[in-house]
Amino acid sequence: MGKTANQKKYYVAGEWQTSEKQAELSSPFSNEVIASIPQLSRDEVEKVIDVAFEARESMAKLTAYERAQILEQITKLFIDNRQEAAEIISLEASKPLKFALAEVDRTIETYKFASEEAKRLTGEMIPMDAAKNGANRFGYTILQPIGVIGAITPFNFPQNLVAHKVGPAIAAGNTIVLKPASQTPLSALFLAELIDQTDLPKGAFNVVTGSGGVVGDTLVESNKVNMITFTGSPAVGISIQHKAGLKKVALELGSNAGLIIDKNVNLDDIVPKCVIGAFSNQGQVCISLQRTYVMEEVYDEFLEKFMAATKQLVIGNPLDINTDISAMIHEREQHRVIDWIDEAVENGAHVVAGGKVEGNVFLPTILTNVSADSKVSCQEVFAPIVIVNRISTIEEGIAEINNSNYGLQAGIFTNDIRTAFKASKELEVGGVMINDIPTYRVDQMPYGGVKESGTGKEGLKYAVNEMTEMKLVVWNQN
């Protein structure tokens, strides 16, 4: 990994460029400096946007077969470089290596799905003669590339959440300017190294690094960028929406995902899923299990088993394949969550596991008896913290989950089909997982929420539709 500990360049028009301003990038776990990252100015970003704008014609000329082949090449390159891609994720994001490898495996699937969707980019026939004035007219729609896509991505899945923007953008025939999160630029630059080896036209994919306030705002405000796709916080998402004008915006803004556990269920099957859902990637997952509502008949047994399983987690260096939990993305985030826990305790909550930092790692934390207006309940905690509250009815659990500004995904474990149907209809979220944790996701499914969880859907087929313009063609045969 030594080769990453140097001065990096950004990627534009198939070339590596230097920027006058640089910033040091440190490992969240060891705090060691691992690289120096270009901090682009507004002028530099605008030049990259110009390159992507000029490359639109070469991208639009590619056939569906050619776009699919390029995405197959990316897939193959990730298969060949799986270990290195995972080690970079672990180094810069402090994601335990076992989960980083799993992310790369999902990234491979995501680009594979994108390659398949490139071949399915079709419109539909319109029954013109269903209207009184539609006789002898032949109508159909075609889907065309939207143009330049500005992709702004988060730190928590620095390859797969990038793939969810880059894959469908290429499948639809668009050009891309990617701005990765400031803490995880190395994964995006590694992706550029791989894409550079493919047949993608130079200039169609570009990576710009630096601050959101400069790089992100330049993308959002540029009249040459046709769409912004963003994953991150509601505050930044709302700001992007306000600045974007009439350009298309897709926003995935997180959640405080809830789960209901009914009586008469097999807790031994459920508890391991809940441990993964709550603590995978230090809880820094948009659909991390944050709020658990357990029927009182099984509450004590669930809590006992959940605490025991949590205490078995291995804490340590993210590059160790045995590690389950490592450092959060930044020390200030660990201080924030300690403040949030203190607030919850003042409001009557009990810390039954974790709640403190040991060896630069915030320990996996379980809270009980948490009030609905505590920050750990009503805001997105984005940390290895889960609340476990007692409920006496399923209706109470549904009401608690819906008592939120967010609505991305929710889950329910139940053996009662009527209860499952009730939850599926009444939970105010974009996705309901029956007999699974809300953290469940495979990459081809439609993924996106309601309320402050954002607008638009990811998942390859759905993202491709977001990234195209529908054009109607009507032939008059009269």
Protein backbone atom coordinates (compact mmCIF):
# COMPACT_ATOMS: atom_id res chain seq x y z
CA MET A 1 0.00 0.00 0.00
CA GLY A 2 3.05 2.27 0.12
CA LYS A 3 2.41 3.62 -3.34
CA THR A 4 -0.65 5.53 -2.15
CA ALA A 5 1.40 7.55 0.36
CA ASN A 6 2.37 10.23 -2.17
CA GLN A 7 1.14 13.26 -4.02
CA LYS A 8 -1.89 12.22 -6.07
CA LYS A 9 -3.19 13.76 -9.27
CA TYR A 10 -6.71 14.23 -10.54
CA TYR A 11 -8.02 12.59 -13.73
CA VAL A 12 -9.36 14.50 -16.74
CA ALA A 13 -9.54 13.71 -20.46
CA GLY A 14 -7.62 10.47 -19.88
CA GLU A 15 -4.68 12.31 -18.29
CA TRP A 16 -3.39 12.83 -14.75
CA GLN A 17 -3.13 16.50 -13.78
CA THR A 18 -1.54 18.25 -10.82
CA SER A 19 -3.16 21.05 -8.82
CA GLU A 20 -1.28 23.79 -7.04
CA LYS A 21 -3.18 23.29 -3.79
CA GLN A 22 -2.94 19.97 -1.92
CA ALA A 23 -4.34 18.59 1.33
CA GLU A 24 -3.05 15.74 3.46
CA LEU A 25 -5.21 12.63 3.75
CA SER A 26 -4.89 10.61 6.97
CA SER A 27 -6.03 7.14 7.96
CA PRO A 28 -9.01 7.35 10.36
CA PHE A 29 -7.63 4.39 12.33
CA SER A 30 -3.89 5.17 12.64
CA ASN A 31 -4.03 8.94 11.95
CA GLU A 32 -0.99 8.46 9.69
CA VAL A 33 -0.78 10.58 6.53
CA ILE A 34 -1.41 8.24 3.58
CA ALA A 35 -1.56 10.65 0.63
CA SER A 36 -1.62 14.25 -0.55
CA ILE A 37 -4.80 15.07 -2.47
CA PRO A 38 -5.33 17.85 -5.08
CA GLN A 39 -7.71 20.60 -3.98
CA LEU A 40 -9.11 21.96 -7.22
CA SER A 41 -10.09 25.58 -7.71
CA ARG A 42 -13.34 26.67 -9.35
CA ASP A 43 -11.45 27.43 -12.59
CA GLU A 44 -9.90 23.96 -12.65
CA VAL A 45 -13.28 22.29 -12.10
CA GLU A 46 -14.87 24.38 -14.85
CA LYS A 47 -12.16 23.20 -17.28
CA VAL A 48 -12.96 19.59 -16.39
CA ILE A 49 -16.67 20.25 -16.94
CA ASP A 50 -15.76 21.67 -20.38
CA VAL A 51 -13.94 18.42 -21.19
CA ALA A 52 -16.98 16.34 -20.17
CA PHE A 53 -19.22 18.66 -22.20
CA GLU A 54 -17.06 18.24 -25.32
CA ALA A 55 -17.00 14.44 -24.86
CA ARG A 56 -20.81 14.14 -25.08
CA GLU A 57 -20.73 13.56 -28.84
CA SER A 58 -18.23 10.68 -28.65
CA MET A 59 -20.32 9.04 -25.89
CA ALA A 60 -23.58 9.51 -27.79
CA LYS A 61 -22.06 7.75 -30.81
CA LEU A 62 -21.40 4.54 -28.86
CA THR A 63 -23.80 1.72 -29.54
CA ALA A 64 -25.57 -0.12 -26.74
CA TYR A 65 -23.25 -3.04 -27.44
CA GLU A 66 -20.16 -0.83 -27.07
CA ARG A 67 -21.40 0.74 -23.82
CA ALA A 68 -22.15 -2.72 -22.42
CA GLN A 69 -18.69 -3.95 -23.43
CA ILE A 70 -17.00 -1.02 -21.64
CA LEU A 71 -18.96 -1.81 -18.46
CA GLU A 72 -17.96 -5.49 -18.83
CA GLN A 73 -14.32 -4.34 -19.03
CA ILE A 74 -14.72 -2.38 -15.77
CA THR A 75 -16.31 -5.46 -14.17
CA LYS A 76 -13.37 -7.65 -15.24
CA LEU A 77 -10.80 -5.12 -14.00
CA PHE A 78 -12.44 -5.08 -10.56
CA ILE A 79 -12.37 -8.89 -10.47
CA ASP A 80 -8.65 -8.80 -11.32
CA ASN A 81 -7.88 -6.04 -8.78
CA ARG A 82 -10.31 -7.07 -6.01
CA GLN A 83 -7.77 -7.22 -3.18
CA GLU A 84 -6.09 -3.89 -3.95
CA ALA A 85 -9.46 -2.12 -4.32
CA ALA A 86 -10.55 -3.49 -0.92
CA GLU A 87 -7.28 -2.55 0.80
CA ILE A 88 -7.61 1.04 -0.45
CA ILE A 89 -11.15 1.21 1.00
CA SER A 90 -9.90 -0.13 4.36
CA LEU A 91 -6.97 2.27 4.43
CA GLU A 92 -8.85 5.49 3.69
CA ALA A 93 -12.29 4.71 5.20
CA SER A 94 -11.26 2.40 8.07
CA LYS A 95 -13.78 -0.15 6.82
CA PRO A 96 -12.81 -3.62 8.11
CA LEU A 97 -11.24 -5.59 5.28
CA LYS A 98 -13.89 -8.34 5.29
CA PHE A 99 -16.57 -5.69 4.63
CA ALA A 100 -14.35 -3.87 2.10
CA LEU A 101 -13.97 -7.11 0.14
CA ALA A 102 -17.76 -7.56 0.28
CA GLU A 103 -18.15 -4.00 -1.05
CA VAL A 104 -15.86 -4.74 -3.99
CA ASP A 105 -17.88 -7.88 -4.73
CA ARG A 106 -21.04 -5.76 -4.79
CA THR A 107 -19.26 -3.20 -7.00
CA ILE A 108 -18.52 -5.99 -9.48
CA GLU A 109 -22.22 -6.92 -9.49
CA THR A 110 -23.26 -3.27 -9.90
CA TYR A 111 -21.13 -2.74 -13.03
CA LYS A 112 -22.32 -6.11 -14.36
CA PHE A 113 -25.97 -5.04 -13.88
CA ALA A 114 -25.13 -1.71 -15.56
CA SER A 115 -23.68 -3.53 -18.58
CA GLU A 116 -26.93 -5.50 -18.90
CA GLU A 117 -29.09 -2.37 -18.59
CA ALA A 118 -27.12 -0.69 -21.39
CA LYS A 119 -28.70 -3.25 -23.73
CA ARG A 120 -32.25 -2.64 -22.48
CA LEU A 121 -32.51 1.11 -23.06
CA THR A 122 -35.88 1.15 -24.81
CA GLY A 123 -38.90 3.43 -24.97
CA GLU A 124 -42.49 2.34 -25.59
CA MET A 125 -45.16 2.38 -28.22
CA ILE A 126 -47.96 4.93 -27.70
CA PRO A 127 -51.49 3.88 -28.82
CA MET A 128 -52.17 7.14 -30.63
CA ASP A 129 -55.52 5.98 -32.07
CA ALA A 130 -56.95 5.58 -28.57
CA ALA A 131 -57.69 9.31 -28.85
CA LYS A 132 -60.43 10.68 -31.16
CA ASN A 133 -57.86 12.72 -33.08
CA GLY A 134 -55.19 10.01 -33.10
CA ALA A 135 -56.18 7.94 -36.13
CA ASN A 136 -53.39 7.02 -38.56
CA ARG A 137 -50.70 8.30 -36.28
CA PHE A 138 -47.80 6.15 -35.09
CA GLY A 139 -46.14 7.17 -31.80
CA TYR A 140 -43.22 5.95 -29.73
CA THR A 141 -40.73 7.22 -27.16
CA ILE A 142 -36.95 7.01 -27.22
CA LEU A 143 -34.59 7.49 -24.27
CA GLN A 144 -31.59 9.70 -24.97
CA PRO A 145 -28.56 10.62 -22.82
CA ILE A 146 -29.16 13.57 -20.51
CA GLY A 147 -25.62 14.94 -21.08
CA VAL A 148 -23.06 15.76 -18.40
CA ILE A 149 -23.66 14.19 -14.98
CA GLY A 150 -22.08 15.63 -11.84
CA ALA A 151 -21.76 12.80 -9.32
CA ILE A 152 -21.09 13.70 -5.66
CA THR A 153 -20.47 10.60 -3.56
CA PRO A 154 -20.06 9.76 0.17
CA PHE A 155 -17.27 8.12 2.16
CA ASN A 156 -19.09 5.05 3.45
CA PHE A 157 -19.12 2.98 0.23
CA PRO A 158 -16.35 4.65 -1.80
CA GLN A 159 -16.55 2.13 -4.65
CA ASN A 160 -20.10 0.75 -4.72
CA LEU A 161 -21.97 4.04 -4.23
CA VAL A 162 -19.72 5.51 -6.93
CA ALA A 163 -20.63 2.54 -9.15
CA HIS A 164 -24.31 3.34 -8.63
CA LYS A 165 -23.71 6.67 -10.36
CA VAL A 166 -20.94 5.89 -12.85
CA GLY A 167 -22.42 2.56 -14.05
CA PRO A 168 -25.85 3.83 -15.09
CA ALA A 169 -24.36 7.07 -16.44
CA ILE A 170 -22.19 5.09 -18.87
CA ALA A 171 -25.05 2.67 -19.64
CA ALA A 172 -27.22 5.63 -20.66
CA GLY A 173 -24.47 7.24 -22.77
CA ASN A 174 -23.67 10.21 -20.52
CA THR A 175 -20.38 11.80 -19.55
CA ILE A 176 -19.38 12.11 -15.90
CA VAL A 177 -17.52 14.41 -13.55
CA LEU A 178 -17.09 12.56 -10.26
CA LYS A 179 -16.41 14.36 -6.98
CA PRO A 180 -15.66 11.76 -4.29
CA ALA A 181 -15.91 12.44 -0.56
CA SER A 182 -12.87 14.28 0.81
CA GLN A 183 -11.95 11.34 3.07
CA THR A 184 -12.16 8.69 0.33
CA PRO A 185 -10.64 10.06 -2.91
CA LEU A 186 -8.19 7.17 -3.34
CA SER A 187 -10.93 4.72 -4.30
CA ALA A 188 -12.23 7.12 -6.97
CA LEU A 189 -8.72 7.68 -8.33
CA PHE A 190 -8.19 3.90 -8.40
CA LEU A 191 -11.43 3.59 -10.39
CA ALA A 192 -9.99 6.14 -12.83
CA GLU A 193 -6.87 3.95 -13.20
CA LEU A 194 -9.12 1.04 -14.13
CA ILE A 195 -11.42 2.98 -16.46
CA ASP A 196 -8.33 4.38 -18.21
CA GLN A 197 -7.62 0.80 -19.37
CA THR A 198 -11.05 0.43 -21.02
CA ASP A 199 -12.44 1.59 -24.37
CA LEU A 200 -14.42 4.44 -22.78
CA PRO A 201 -13.79 7.63 -24.78
CA LYS A 202 -11.30 9.88 -23.02
CA GLY A 203 -13.05 12.80 -21.34
CA ALA A 204 -16.24 10.83 -20.72
CA PHE A 205 -15.16 10.01 -17.14
CA ASN A 206 -13.27 12.49 -14.96
CA VAL A 207 -12.42 12.69 -11.24
CA VAL A 208 -12.11 16.01 -9.41
CA THR A 209 -11.05 16.28 -5.76
CA GLY A 210 -11.31 19.00 -3.15
CA SER A 211 -13.82 20.68 -0.90
CA GLY A 212 -17.57 20.42 -1.35
CA GLY A 213 -17.86 24.20 -1.05
CA VAL A 214 -15.67 24.72 -4.13
CA VAL A 215 -15.81 21.57 -6.25
CA GLY A 216 -19.36 20.53 -5.41
CA ASP A 217 -20.81 24.01 -5.80
CA THR A 218 -19.07 24.48 -9.16
CA LEU A 219 -20.69 21.28 -10.46
CA VAL A 220 -24.10 22.21 -9.09
CA GLU A 221 -24.03 25.73 -10.49
CA SER A 222 -22.56 24.98 -13.93
CA ASN A 223 -24.97 25.40 -16.86
CA LYS A 224 -23.03 22.69 -18.74
CA VAL A 225 -23.91 20.03 -16.14
CA ASN A 226 -27.32 18.54 -16.91
CA MET A 227 -27.87 16.44 -13.79
CA ILE A 228 -26.54 16.17 -10.25
CA THR A 229 -26.67 12.83 -8.47
CA PHE A 230 -25.78 13.14 -4.78
CA THR A 231 -25.60 10.83 -1.80
CA GLY A 232 -25.09 12.49 1.58
CA SER A 233 -26.76 14.54 4.27
CA PRO A 234 -30.19 16.23 4.00
CA ALA A 235 -28.68 19.65 4.74
CA VAL A 236 -26.29 19.42 1.78
CA GLY A 237 -28.98 17.79 -0.40
CA ILE A 238 -31.43 20.61 0.25
CA SER A 239 -28.69 23.15 -0.51
CA ILE A 240 -27.96 21.38 -3.82
CA GLN A 241 -31.66 21.40 -4.71
CA HIS A 242 -31.83 25.15 -4.12
CA LYS A 243 -28.69 25.91 -6.18
CA ALA A 244 -29.34 23.50 -9.06
CA GLY A 245 -31.97 25.59 -10.83
CA LEU A 246 -33.80 23.57 -13.49
CA LYS A 247 -31.20 20.82 -13.83
CA LYS A 248 -32.27 17.33 -12.82
CA VAL A 249 -31.33 16.31 -9.26
CA ALA A 250 -31.33 12.86 -7.65
CA LEU A 251 -30.78 12.90 -3.87
CA GLU A 252 -30.17 9.94 -1.54
CA LEU A 253 -30.11 11.51 1.89
CA GLY A 254 -29.99 8.79 4.50
CA SER A 255 -32.30 7.62 7.24
CA ASN A 256 -32.69 6.35 10.82
CA ALA A 257 -33.89 2.92 9.81
CA GLY A 258 -36.35 1.10 12.06
CA LEU A 259 -37.14 -2.57 12.70
CA ILE A 260 -40.11 -4.26 14.41
CA ILE A 261 -39.69 -7.69 16.04
CA ASP A 262 -42.98 -9.51 16.60
CA LYS A 263 -43.62 -12.24 19.15
CA ASN A 264 -43.41 -15.93 18.12
CA VAL A 265 -40.29 -15.48 15.96
CA ASN A 266 -36.95 -17.32 16.00
CA LEU A 267 -34.61 -14.92 17.80
CA ASP A 268 -31.55 -17.10 17.15
CA ASP A 269 -31.97 -16.40 13.41
CA ILE A 270 -32.78 -12.72 13.91
CA VAL A 271 -30.05 -11.62 16.34
CA PRO A 272 -27.05 -12.21 14.00
CA LYS A 273 -28.80 -10.20 11.27
CA CYS A 274 -29.42 -7.35 13.72
CA VAL A 275 -25.75 -7.31 14.78
CA ILE A 276 -24.67 -6.96 11.14
CA GLY A 277 -27.42 -4.40 10.44
CA ALA A 278 -26.51 -2.21 13.40
CA PHE A 279 -22.71 -2.39 13.42
CA SER A 280 -21.47 -3.19 9.88
CA ASN A 281 -19.08 -0.44 8.72
CA GLN A 282 -19.31 1.11 12.20
CA GLY A 283 -23.00 1.86 11.58
CA GLN A 284 -21.98 4.31 8.83
CA VAL A 285 -24.59 3.01 6.40
CA CYS A 286 -27.64 4.95 5.16
CA ILE A 287 -29.90 2.01 6.10
CA SER A 288 -27.98 0.97 9.23
CA LEU A 289 -30.32 -0.52 11.84
CA GLN A 290 -30.72 2.40 14.25
CA ARG A 291 -34.10 1.85 15.95
CA THR A 292 -35.39 -1.56 17.09
CA TYR A 293 -38.90 -2.00 18.51
CA VAL A 294 -39.42 -5.39 20.17
CA MET A 295 -42.71 -6.84 21.39
CA GLU A 296 -42.66 -7.13 25.18
CA GLU A 297 -43.21 -10.92 25.09
CA VAL A 298 -39.71 -11.44 23.57
CA TYR A 299 -38.02 -8.20 24.60
CA ASP A 300 -35.87 -9.49 27.48
CA GLU A 301 -34.73 -12.59 25.59
CA PHE A 302 -33.89 -10.57 22.47
CA LEU A 303 -31.92 -7.98 24.41
CA GLU A 304 -29.92 -10.63 26.28
CA LYS A 305 -29.00 -12.48 23.07
CA PHE A 306 -28.29 -9.22 21.19
CA MET A 307 -25.94 -7.95 23.93
CA ALA A 308 -24.11 -11.30 24.05
CA ALA A 309 -23.61 -11.36 20.28
CA THR A 310 -22.44 -7.73 20.22
CA LYS A 311 -19.77 -8.45 22.82
CA GLN A 312 -18.32 -11.13 20.51
CA LEU A 313 -17.41 -8.57 17.83
CA VAL A 314 -13.68 -8.23 17.10
CA ILE A 315 -12.41 -4.66 17.40
CA GLY A 316 -9.16 -3.44 15.86
CA ASN A 317 -7.15 -2.63 12.72
CA PRO A 318 -9.35 -2.46 9.61
CA LEU A 319 -6.67 -4.17 7.50
CA ASP A 320 -6.91 -7.31 9.69
CA ILE A 321 -9.31 -9.77 8.03
CA ASN A 322 -10.70 -10.80 11.45
CA THR A 323 -11.73 -7.26 12.47
CA ASP A 324 -15.48 -6.54 12.70
CA ILE A 325 -15.39 -2.96 14.07
CA SER A 326 -12.78 -0.24 13.59
CA ALA A 327 -12.52 3.55 13.83
CA MET A 328 -15.28 5.85 12.65
CA ILE A 329 -14.48 8.11 9.72
CA HIS A 330 -13.28 11.02 11.91
CA GLU A 331 -12.49 11.68 15.54
CA ARG A 332 -14.98 14.57 15.65
CA GLU A 333 -17.75 12.12 14.71
CA GLN A 334 -16.87 10.00 17.73
CA HIS A 335 -17.10 13.09 19.97
CA ARG A 336 -20.48 13.94 18.43
CA VAL A 337 -22.01 10.55 19.16
CA ILE A 338 -20.77 10.64 22.76
CA ASP A 339 -22.65 13.94 23.15
CA TRP A 340 -25.75 12.35 21.63
CA ILE A 341 -25.53 9.39 24.04
CA ASP A 342 -25.15 11.77 27.00
CA GLU A 343 -28.30 13.59 25.87
CA ALA A 344 -30.23 10.32 25.58
CA VAL A 345 -29.13 9.23 29.07
CA GLU A 346 -30.24 12.57 30.50
CA ASN A 347 -33.67 11.83 28.94
CA GLY A 348 -33.88 8.43 30.65
CA ALA A 349 -32.01 6.05 28.32
CA HIS A 350 -29.77 3.23 29.58
CA VAL A 351 -26.43 2.27 28.01
CA VAL A 352 -26.34 -1.54 28.15
CA ALA A 353 -23.28 -2.04 25.89
CA GLY A 354 -20.46 0.20 24.65
CA GLY A 355 -20.95 3.93 24.83
CA LYS A 356 -17.25 4.85 24.89
CA VAL A 357 -14.03 4.96 22.86
CA GLU A 358 -11.26 2.40 23.34
CA GLY A 359 -8.06 2.49 21.29
CA ASN A 360 -9.42 5.09 18.83
CA VAL A 361 -12.48 2.88 18.20
CA PHE A 362 -15.99 3.81 19.32
CA LEU A 363 -17.38 0.60 20.79
CA PRO A 364 -20.60 -0.92 19.42
CA THR A 365 -23.34 0.57 21.57
CA ILE A 366 -26.82 -0.56 22.59
CA LEU A 367 -29.25 1.86 24.26
CA THR A 368 -32.60 0.99 25.83
CA ASN A 369 -35.58 3.07 26.98
CA VAL A 370 -34.74 5.85 24.52
CA SER A 371 -37.17 8.73 24.14
CA ALA A 372 -38.41 9.46 20.60
CA ASP A 373 -37.09 13.04 20.69
CA SER A 374 -33.51 12.10 21.62
CA LYS A 375 -31.06 12.73 18.76
CA VAL A 376 -30.01 9.06 18.70
CA SER A 377 -33.61 8.24 17.81
CA CYS A 378 -34.93 11.11 15.69
CA GLN A 379 -31.77 12.06 13.75
CA GLU A 380 -29.39 9.94 11.67
CA VAL A 381 -26.74 8.73 14.10
CA PHE A 382 -24.38 7.25 11.44
CA ALA A 383 -22.41 5.41 14.12
CA PRO A 384 -22.32 1.93 15.74
CA ILE A 385 -25.31 2.79 17.94
CA VAL A 386 -28.66 1.02 18.05
CA ILE A 387 -31.64 1.59 20.31
CA VAL A 388 -33.80 -1.31 21.56
CA ASN A 389 -37.19 -0.22 22.87
CA ARG A 390 -40.10 -2.27 24.19
CA ILE A 391 -43.51 -2.13 22.44
CA SER A 392 -46.84 -3.73 23.39
CA THR A 393 -48.47 -3.70 19.92
CA ILE A 394 -47.36 -3.80 16.29
CA GLU A 395 -49.30 -0.57 15.73
CA GLU A 396 -47.09 1.10 18.32
CA GLY A 397 -43.98 -0.06 16.44
CA ILE A 398 -45.30 1.22 13.10
CA ALA A 399 -46.15 4.58 14.70
CA GLU A 400 -42.64 4.83 16.21
CA ILE A 401 -40.94 4.12 12.89
CA ASN A 402 -43.19 6.61 11.10
CA ASN A 403 -42.46 9.24 13.77
CA SER A 404 -39.42 10.40 11.80
CA ASN A 405 -38.40 12.98 9.23
CA TYR A 406 -36.79 10.13 7.29
CA GLY A 407 -38.20 7.19 5.36
CA LEU A 408 -35.65 5.14 3.42
CA GLN A 409 -36.17 1.49 4.48
CA ALA A 410 -37.74 -0.38 7.40
CA GLY A 411 -38.02 -4.02 8.39
CA ILE A 412 -40.31 -6.34 10.34
CA PHE A 413 -39.85 -9.89 11.59
CA THR A 414 -43.21 -11.63 11.96
CA ASN A 415 -44.83 -14.99 11.23
CA ASP A 416 -48.30 -13.42 10.86
CA ILE A 417 -49.14 -12.69 7.22
CA ARG A 418 -51.75 -10.06 8.16
CA THR A 419 -49.20 -8.23 10.29
CA ALA A 420 -46.69 -8.32 7.45
CA PHE A 421 -49.21 -6.89 4.96
CA LYS A 422 -50.27 -4.21 7.43
CA ALA A 423 -46.65 -3.13 7.94
CA SER A 424 -45.92 -3.18 4.20
CA LYS A 425 -48.81 -0.77 3.58
CA GLU A 426 -48.50 1.52 6.62
CA LEU A 427 -44.74 2.03 7.02
CA GLU A 428 -43.84 5.42 5.48
CA VAL A 429 -40.64 4.39 3.72
CA GLY A 430 -39.31 3.67 0.25
CA GLY A 431 -38.71 -0.01 0.96
CA VAL A 432 -40.15 -2.52 3.47
CA MET A 433 -38.17 -5.68 4.25
CA ILE A 434 -40.42 -8.51 5.50
CA ASN A 435 -38.54 -10.92 7.78
CA ASP A 436 -35.28 -9.05 7.26
CA ILE A 437 -33.36 -6.08 8.61
CA PRO A 438 -33.87 -2.66 6.97
CA THR A 439 -30.16 -2.77 6.04
CA TYR A 440 -30.80 -5.37 3.34
CA ARG A 441 -29.96 -4.23 -0.18
CA VAL A 442 -29.05 -5.87 -3.45
CA ASP A 443 -27.87 -3.56 -6.15
CA GLN A 444 -30.49 -4.01 -8.88
CA MET A 445 -33.49 -3.26 -6.66
CA PRO A 446 -35.10 0.21 -6.63
CA TYR A 447 -33.53 2.10 -3.74
CA GLY A 448 -34.66 5.49 -2.50
CA GLY A 449 -36.83 7.01 0.17
CA VAL A 450 -39.53 9.48 1.09
CA LYS A 451 -39.58 12.58 3.28
CA GLU A 452 -36.03 13.79 4.06
CA SER A 453 -34.52 10.56 2.74
CA GLY A 454 -34.45 12.13 -0.69
CA THR A 455 -35.79 12.03 -4.25
CA GLY A 456 -35.29 9.63 -7.14
CA LYS A 457 -34.34 5.95 -7.19
CA GLU A 458 -31.02 4.17 -7.48
CA GLY A 459 -30.68 0.57 -8.65
CA LEU A 460 -29.39 0.24 -12.18
CA LYS A 461 -32.58 0.13 -14.26
CA TYR A 462 -34.11 2.94 -12.21
CA ALA A 463 -30.99 5.13 -12.21
CA VAL A 464 -30.65 4.74 -16.00
CA ASN A 465 -34.20 6.07 -16.36
CA GLU A 466 -33.28 9.05 -14.15
CA MET A 467 -30.23 9.71 -16.34
CA THR A 468 -32.04 9.88 -19.68
CA GLU A 469 -34.42 12.27 -21.39
CA MET A 470 -37.61 10.81 -22.87
CA LYS A 471 -38.40 12.04 -26.38
CA LEU A 472 -41.75 11.45 -28.10
CA VAL A 473 -41.84 10.79 -31.83
CA VAL A 474 -45.19 10.88 -33.70
CA TRP A 475 -45.56 9.98 -37.38
CA ASN A 476 -48.61 11.39 -39.14
CA GLN A 477 -49.70 8.90 -41.83
CA ASN A 478 -52.79 10.85 -42.91
